Amino acid sequence: MGATIAFVALLLALLGAAAVFLRADPAKLASWMRTVGP
């Protein structure tokens, strides 16, 4: 149960960071996604 809660919290943190990056610079986020993605 604890691991599941921690996993969900991590996902929420990542989503929050992604939202901040989107508001800050969409082009930067897009280039980062291309670098990390396949």
PDB file of N, CA and C in Angstrom:
ATOM      1  N   MET A   1       0.841  -1.206   0.000  1.00  0.00           N
ATOM      2  CA  MET A   1       0.000   0.000   0.000  1.00  0.00           C
ATOM      3  C   MET A   1       0.872   1.251   0.000  1.00  0.00           C
ATOM      4  N   GLY A   2       1.906   1.235   0.857  1.00  0.00           N
ATOM      5  CA  GLY A   2       2.799   2.392   0.922  1.00  0.00           C
ATOM      6  C   GLY A   2       3.480   2.648  -0.410  1.00  0.00           C
ATOM      7  N   ALA A   3       3.894   1.553  -1.078  1.00  0.00           N
ATOM      8  CA  ALA A   3       4.588   1.710  -2.360  1.00  0.00           C
ATOM      9  C   ALA A   3       3.643   2.325  -3.398  1.00  0.00           C
ATOM     10  N   THR A   4       2.373   1.908  -3.363  1.00  0.00           N
ATOM     11  CA  THR A   4       1.407   2.450  -4.326  1.00  0.00           C
ATOM     12  C   THR A   4       1.210   3.947  -4.106  1.00  0.00           C
ATOM     13  N   ILE A   5       1.078   4.344  -2.842  1.00  0.00           N
ATOM     14  CA  ILE A   5       0.895   5.766  -2.533  1.00  0.00           C
ATOM     15  C   ILE A   5       2.117   6.564  -2.977  1.00  0.00           C
ATOM     16  N   ALA A   6       3.309   6.013  -2.735  1.00  0.00           N
ATOM     17  CA  ALA A   6       4.544   6.697  -3.131  1.00  0.00           C
ATOM     18  C   ALA A   6       4.604   6.830  -4.650  1.00  0.00           C
ATOM     19  N   PHE A   7       4.180   5.769  -5.358  1.00  0.00           N
ATOM     20  CA  PHE A   7       4.202   5.798  -6.824  1.00  0.00           C
ATOM     21  C   PHE A   7       3.257   6.865  -7.360  1.00  0.00           C
ATOM     22  N   VAL A   8       2.055   6.932  -6.796  1.00  0.00           N
ATOM     23  CA  VAL A   8       1.083   7.940  -7.231  1.00  0.00           C
ATOM     24  C   VAL A   8       1.608   9.341  -6.928  1.00  0.00           C
ATOM     25  N   ALA A   9       2.228   9.513  -5.762  1.00  0.00           N
ATOM     26  CA  ALA A   9       2.779  10.824  -5.405  1.00  0.00           C
ATOM     27  C   ALA A   9       3.863  11.223  -6.398  1.00  0.00           C
ATOM     28  N   LEU A  10       4.683  10.255  -6.812  1.00  0.00           N
ATOM     29  CA  LEU A  10       5.741  10.540  -7.782  1.00  0.00           C
ATOM     30  C   LEU A  10       5.137  10.966  -9.117  1.00  0.00           C
ATOM     31  N   LEU A  11       4.077  10.265  -9.548  1.00  0.00           N
ATOM     32  CA  LEU A  11       3.423  10.626 -10.809  1.00  0.00           C
ATOM     33  C   LEU A  11       2.862  12.048 -10.737  1.00  0.00           C
ATOM     34  N   LEU A  12       2.239  12.385  -9.612  1.00  0.00           N
ATOM     35  CA  LEU A  12       1.678  13.728  -9.462  1.00  0.00           C
ATOM     36  C   LEU A  12       2.788  14.771  -9.502  1.00  0.00           C
ATOM     37  N   ALA A  13       3.926  14.471  -8.882  1.00  0.00           N
ATOM     38  CA  ALA A  13       5.048  15.413  -8.885  1.00  0.00           C
ATOM     39  C   ALA A  13       5.558  15.614 -10.307  1.00  0.00           C
ATOM     40  N   LEU A  14       5.649  14.518 -11.071  1.00  0.00           N
ATOM     41  CA  LEU A  14       6.123  14.622 -12.453  1.00  0.00           C
ATOM     42  C   LEU A  14       5.142  15.435 -13.295  1.00  0.00           C
ATOM     43  N   LEU A  15       3.841  15.211 -13.081  1.00  0.00           N
ATOM     44  CA  LEU A  15       2.831  15.967 -13.831  1.00  0.00           C
ATOM     45  C   LEU A  15       2.921  17.453 -13.491  1.00  0.00           C
ATOM     46  N   GLY A  16       3.130  17.756 -12.222  1.00  0.00           N
ATOM     47  CA  GLY A  16       3.262  19.150 -11.807  1.00  0.00           C
ATOM     48  C   GLY A  16       4.476  19.796 -12.460  1.00  0.00           C
ATOM     49  N   ALA A  17       5.597  19.071 -12.490  1.00  0.00           N
ATOM     50  CA  ALA A  17       6.810  19.600 -13.121  1.00  0.00           C
ATOM     51  C   ALA A  17       6.571  19.825 -14.608  1.00  0.00           C
ATOM     52  N   ALA A  18       5.874  18.882 -15.252  1.00  0.00           N
ATOM     53  CA  ALA A  18       5.592  19.020 -16.685  1.00  0.00           C
ATOM     54  C   ALA A  18       4.719  20.256 -16.932  1.00  0.00           C
ATOM     55  N   ALA A  19       3.747  20.492 -16.053  1.00  0.00           N
ATOM     56  CA  ALA A  19       2.878  21.660 -16.218  1.00  0.00           C
ATOM     57  C   ALA A  19       3.687  22.947 -16.085  1.00  0.00           C
ATOM     58  N   VAL A  20       4.622  22.971 -15.137  1.00  0.00           N
ATOM     59  CA  VAL A  20       5.461  24.160 -14.950  1.00  0.00           C
ATOM     60  C   VAL A  20       6.302  24.401 -16.192  1.00  0.00           C
ATOM     61  N   PHE A  21       6.882  23.315 -16.740  1.00  0.00           N
ATOM     62  CA  PHE A  21       7.718  23.460 -17.935  1.00  0.00           C
ATOM     63  C   PHE A  21       6.873  23.937 -19.116  1.00  0.00           C
ATOM     64  N   LEU A  22       5.637  23.425 -19.214  1.00  0.00           N
ATOM     65  CA  LEU A  22       4.765  23.837 -20.320  1.00  0.00           C
ATOM     66  C   LEU A  22       4.476  25.329 -20.236  1.00  0.00           C
ATOM     67  N   ARG A  23       4.184  25.809 -19.026  1.00  0.00           N
ATOM     68  CA  ARG A  23       3.897  27.236 -18.865  1.00  0.00           C
ATOM     69  C   ARG A  23       5.157  28.062 -19.103  1.00  0.00           C
ATOM     70  N   ALA A  24       6.327  27.501 -18.737  1.00  0.00           N
ATOM     71  CA  ALA A  24       7.570  28.259 -18.846  1.00  0.00           C
ATOM     72  C   ALA A  24       8.021  28.364 -20.307  1.00  0.00           C
ATOM     73  N   ASP A  25       8.114  27.222 -20.994  1.00  0.00           N
ATOM     74  CA  ASP A  25       8.649  27.242 -22.365  1.00  0.00           C
ATOM     75  C   ASP A  25       8.237  25.969 -23.108  1.00  0.00           C
ATOM     76  N   PRO A  26       7.134  26.001 -23.847  1.00  0.00           N
ATOM     77  CA  PRO A  26       6.659  24.805 -24.569  1.00  0.00           C
ATOM     78  C   PRO A  26       7.707  24.261 -25.527  1.00  0.00           C
ATOM     79  N   ALA A  27       8.467  25.141 -26.183  1.00  0.00           N
ATOM     80  CA  ALA A  27       9.467  24.681 -27.154  1.00  0.00           C
ATOM     81  C   ALA A  27      10.558  23.883 -26.443  1.00  0.00           C
ATOM     82  N   LYS A  28      10.947  24.353 -25.246  1.00  0.00           N
ATOM     83  CA  LYS A  28      11.988  23.648 -24.493  1.00  0.00           C
ATOM     84  C   LYS A  28      11.494  22.261 -24.100  1.00  0.00           C
ATOM     85  N   LEU A  29      10.231  22.178 -23.644  1.00  0.00           N
ATOM     86  CA  LEU A  29       9.677  20.883 -23.253  1.00  0.00           C
ATOM     87  C   LEU A  29       9.604  19.954 -24.454  1.00  0.00           C
ATOM     88  N   ALA A  30       9.201  20.474 -25.598  1.00  0.00           N
ATOM     89  CA  ALA A  30       9.092  19.645 -26.798  1.00  0.00           C
ATOM     90  C   ALA A  30      10.460  19.097 -27.188  1.00  0.00           C
ATOM     91  N   SER A  31      11.484  19.935 -27.141  1.00  0.00           N
ATOM     92  CA  SER A  31      12.827  19.476 -27.511  1.00  0.00           C
ATOM     93  C   SER A  31      13.319  18.443 -26.503  1.00  0.00           C
ATOM     94  N   TRP A  32      12.982  18.640 -25.210  1.00  0.00           N
ATOM     95  CA  TRP A  32      13.396  17.679 -24.185  1.00  0.00           C
ATOM     96  C   TRP A  32      12.704  16.338 -24.407  1.00  0.00           C
ATOM     97  N   MET A  33      11.425  16.373 -24.765  1.00  0.00           N
ATOM     98  CA  MET A  33      10.694  15.132 -25.007  1.00  0.00           C
ATOM     99  C   MET A  33      11.289  14.396 -26.201  1.00  0.00           C
ATOM    100  N   ARG A  34      11.678  15.128 -27.244  1.00  0.00           N
ATOM    101  CA  ARG A  34      12.291  14.482 -28.413  1.00  0.00           C
ATOM    102  C   ARG A  34      13.614  13.844 -28.017  1.00  0.00           C
ATOM    103  N   THR A  35      14.351  14.478 -27.103  1.00  0.00           N
ATOM    104  CA  THR A  35      15.655  13.943 -26.690  1.00  0.00           C
ATOM    105  C   THR A  35      15.467  12.673 -25.866  1.00  0.00           C
ATOM    106  N   VAL A  36      14.486  12.685 -24.961  1.00  0.00           N
ATOM    107  CA  VAL A  36      14.287  11.543 -24.060  1.00  0.00           C
ATOM    108  C   VAL A  36      13.526  10.426 -24.756  1.00  0.00           C
ATOM    109  N   GLY A  37      12.549  10.802 -25.592  1.00  0.00           N
ATOM    110  CA  GLY A  37      11.701   9.795 -26.232  1.00  0.00           C
ATOM    111  C   GLY A  37      12.428   8.996 -27.293  1.00  0.00           C
ATOM    112  N   PRO A  38      11.753   8.030 -27.874  1.00  0.00           N
ATOM    113  CA  PRO A  38      12.348   7.167 -28.899  1.00  0.00           C
ATOM    114  C   PRO A  38      12.575   7.914 -30.217  1.00  0.00           C
TER     115      PRO A  38
END
